[in-house]
Amino acid sequence: MKLSDELPVDHRLATVYRIGAGLCGTILLAFGILGFAQRLSFFDTSGDRIAGLSTNGLLSLISVVVGVLLIAGAAVGGNAASTLNMTIGSLFLLSGFAHLFILDRSANILDFGMPNVVFSFVMGLLILTFGMYGRVTGGLPHDNPYWRHRHPEQADREAEAAARRSAAARGPLGR
């Protein structure tokens, strides 16, 4: 069984996944394009800044690629956008931790500074939250498609009970 077989499709949460991916992708794309507009050297670690963050050509390229991926995920929507958001959000968090340990070292080829680390954590949590919204929690409402998929027997019983209530409300003649 594939993961995509297990996930519900065409539900109202897909809008949240799309908005999150599109918004975060646009921010990253703009950051990367601004870096290219300043013609930064690819591996330069001299401290060039854009929007308060240190950057170089490589970080600009990575920002553009990730931004385009998120925007493509927003275009596709649904579970693909959600899964992409969760994956990229997790990678941003891992990047923040990794760069926290290599600040002021020669291994810092992306020219990260502390503001970049904070941005990586904040953007990672934001993207991750958009991807996990409505999918991951212990208290999903019973009309949530993920809850219905995880509890099919109870969802069927609730649907049958709702149908009986609806039929009873229409009356014995079915009006």
Protein backbone atom coordinates (compact mmCIF):
# COMPACT_ATOMS: atom_id res chain seq x y z
CA MET A 1 0.00 0.00 0.00
CA LYS A 2 1.27 3.47 -0.90
CA LEU A 3 1.02 6.49 1.39
CA SER A 4 -1.12 8.28 -1.19
CA ASP A 5 -3.70 5.44 -1.00
CA GLU A 6 -4.18 6.12 2.69
CA LEU A 7 -4.78 9.87 2.50
CA PRO A 8 -8.16 11.42 1.70
CA VAL A 9 -8.38 13.71 -1.31
CA ASP A 10 -10.43 16.75 -2.27
CA HIS A 11 -11.16 18.19 1.15
CA ARG A 12 -11.33 21.78 2.39
CA LEU A 13 -7.97 21.51 4.15
CA ALA A 14 -6.28 21.47 0.74
CA THR A 15 -6.79 25.25 0.62
CA VAL A 16 -4.69 25.66 3.77
CA TYR A 17 -1.90 23.54 2.29
CA ARG A 18 -1.96 25.55 -0.93
CA ILE A 19 -1.95 28.93 0.77
CA GLY A 20 0.91 27.91 3.05
CA ALA A 21 3.04 26.53 0.24
CA GLY A 22 2.35 29.50 -2.01
CA LEU A 23 3.01 32.14 0.65
CA CYS A 24 6.25 30.61 1.92
CA GLY A 25 7.40 29.76 -1.61
CA THR A 26 6.87 33.35 -2.72
CA ILE A 27 8.90 34.70 0.20
CA LEU A 28 11.79 32.34 -0.56
CA LEU A 29 11.62 33.02 -4.28
CA ALA A 30 11.74 36.79 -3.69
CA PHE A 31 14.74 36.40 -1.36
CA GLY A 32 16.59 34.31 -3.94
CA ILE A 33 15.80 36.65 -6.82
CA LEU A 34 17.03 39.63 -4.79
CA GLY A 35 20.28 37.74 -4.24
CA PHE A 36 20.69 37.12 -7.96
CA ALA A 37 19.85 40.77 -8.70
CA GLN A 38 22.82 41.83 -6.55
CA ARG A 39 25.09 39.45 -8.50
CA LEU A 40 26.51 37.81 -5.41
CA SER A 41 29.45 35.47 -5.71
CA PHE A 42 28.45 31.83 -5.44
CA PHE A 43 30.56 30.85 -2.42
CA ASP A 44 31.29 34.30 -1.02
CA THR A 45 31.14 34.51 2.78
CA SER A 46 31.85 38.22 3.10
CA GLY A 47 28.54 39.01 4.76
CA ASP A 48 26.43 40.47 1.93
CA ARG A 49 22.93 41.13 3.29
CA ILE A 50 19.45 41.01 1.83
CA ALA A 51 16.43 41.75 4.01
CA GLY A 52 18.65 41.53 7.10
CA LEU A 53 19.94 38.04 6.25
CA SER A 54 23.47 37.26 5.11
CA THR A 55 23.55 35.49 1.77
CA ASN A 56 25.59 34.44 -1.22
CA GLY A 57 24.86 33.07 -4.69
CA LEU A 58 24.49 29.48 -3.48
CA LEU A 59 21.94 30.41 -0.81
CA SER A 60 20.08 32.47 -3.42
CA LEU A 61 19.98 29.46 -5.75
CA ILE A 62 18.74 27.15 -2.99
CA SER A 63 16.08 29.73 -2.03
CA VAL A 64 14.85 29.96 -5.62
CA VAL A 65 14.72 26.17 -6.04
CA VAL A 66 12.87 25.62 -2.76
CA GLY A 67 10.55 28.55 -3.50
CA VAL A 68 9.69 27.11 -6.91
CA LEU A 69 9.09 23.67 -5.34
CA LEU A 70 6.69 25.16 -2.80
CA ILE A 71 4.86 27.16 -5.46
CA ALA A 72 4.60 24.01 -7.60
CA GLY A 73 3.20 22.19 -4.55
CA ALA A 74 0.65 24.97 -4.15
CA ALA A 75 -0.34 24.55 -7.80
CA VAL A 76 -0.79 20.78 -7.37
CA GLY A 77 -2.49 21.20 -3.98
CA GLY A 78 -4.06 18.52 -1.83
CA ASN A 79 -2.01 15.89 -0.09
CA ALA A 80 0.98 16.58 -2.32
CA ALA A 81 1.19 20.15 -1.00
CA SER A 82 0.74 18.95 2.57
CA THR A 83 3.45 16.31 2.30
CA LEU A 84 5.80 18.72 0.52
CA ASN A 85 5.20 21.34 3.22
CA MET A 86 5.99 18.84 5.98
CA THR A 87 9.15 17.66 4.21
CA ILE A 88 10.51 21.12 3.43
CA GLY A 89 9.54 22.45 6.87
CA SER A 90 11.46 19.60 8.49
CA LEU A 91 14.48 20.29 6.27
CA PHE A 92 14.41 23.97 7.27
CA LEU A 93 14.45 22.98 10.95
CA LEU A 94 17.34 20.57 10.38
CA SER A 95 19.18 23.27 8.44
CA GLY A 96 18.72 25.70 11.32
CA PHE A 97 20.22 23.22 13.79
CA ALA A 98 23.07 22.29 11.45
CA HIS A 99 23.97 25.91 10.76
CA LEU A 100 23.75 26.76 14.44
CA PHE A 101 26.69 24.42 14.98
CA ILE A 102 28.80 25.70 12.08
CA LEU A 103 28.42 29.44 12.59
CA ASP A 104 31.78 31.22 12.22
CA ARG A 105 33.46 28.12 10.80
CA SER A 106 34.83 27.36 7.35
CA ALA A 107 32.06 24.80 6.77
CA ASN A 108 29.52 27.65 6.67
CA ILE A 109 29.48 27.86 2.86
CA LEU A 110 25.98 29.38 2.79
CA ASP A 111 27.20 32.37 4.85
CA PHE A 112 24.59 31.81 7.55
CA GLY A 113 24.52 34.20 10.48
CA MET A 114 22.36 34.03 13.59
CA PRO A 115 19.48 35.89 11.84
CA ASN A 116 19.55 33.21 9.12
CA VAL A 117 19.35 30.48 11.75
CA VAL A 118 16.37 32.17 13.41
CA PHE A 119 14.74 32.66 9.99
CA SER A 120 15.33 28.99 9.19
CA PHE A 121 13.62 27.93 12.43
CA VAL A 122 10.68 30.31 11.98
CA MET A 123 10.16 29.51 8.30
CA GLY A 124 10.53 25.78 9.00
CA LEU A 125 7.93 25.86 11.75
CA LEU A 126 5.58 27.93 9.59
CA ILE A 127 5.87 25.61 6.59
CA LEU A 128 5.61 22.53 8.81
CA THR A 129 2.51 23.91 10.52
CA PHE A 130 0.84 24.59 7.18
CA GLY A 131 1.62 21.03 6.08
CA MET A 132 0.44 19.37 9.28
CA TYR A 133 -2.68 21.49 9.74
CA GLY A 134 -5.68 19.22 10.10
CA ARG A 135 -3.64 16.06 9.61
CA VAL A 136 -1.72 15.61 12.81
CA THR A 137 -3.42 15.97 16.16
CA GLY A 138 -5.09 13.84 18.77
CA GLY A 139 -8.34 15.80 18.68
CA LEU A 140 -9.42 15.90 15.06
CA PRO A 141 -13.13 16.66 14.63
CA HIS A 142 -15.20 13.79 13.33
CA ASP A 143 -15.95 15.57 10.06
CA ASN A 144 -12.20 15.76 9.29
CA PRO A 145 -11.33 13.45 6.38
CA TYR A 146 -8.19 12.19 8.14
CA TRP A 147 -10.22 11.23 11.22
CA ARG A 148 -12.82 9.48 9.04
CA HIS A 149 -10.09 7.61 7.21
CA ARG A 150 -8.42 6.48 10.45
CA HIS A 151 -11.75 5.43 12.04
CA PRO A 152 -13.85 4.06 9.17
CA GLU A 153 -16.18 1.89 11.28
CA GLN A 154 -17.11 4.70 13.65
CA ALA A 155 -17.43 7.13 10.73
CA ASP A 156 -19.85 4.72 9.03
CA ARG A 157 -21.91 4.38 12.24
CA GLU A 158 -22.04 8.17 12.62
CA ALA A 159 -23.06 8.60 8.97
CA GLU A 160 -25.83 6.00 9.36
CA ALA A 161 -27.07 7.70 12.54
CA ALA A 162 -27.09 11.08 10.77
CA ALA A 163 -29.05 9.56 7.87
CA ARG A 164 -31.61 8.09 10.31
CA ARG A 165 -31.96 11.47 12.06
CA SER A 166 -32.42 13.18 8.72
CA ALA A 167 -35.05 10.64 7.64
CA ALA A 168 -36.86 11.01 10.99
CA ALA A 169 -36.85 14.80 10.65
CA ARG A 170 -38.47 14.54 7.21
CA GLY A 171 -41.31 12.59 8.74
CA PRO A 172 -43.02 9.32 7.86
CA LEU A 173 -43.97 10.46 4.37
CA GLY A 174 -40.43 11.41 3.49
CA ARG A 175 -41.10 15.11 2.96
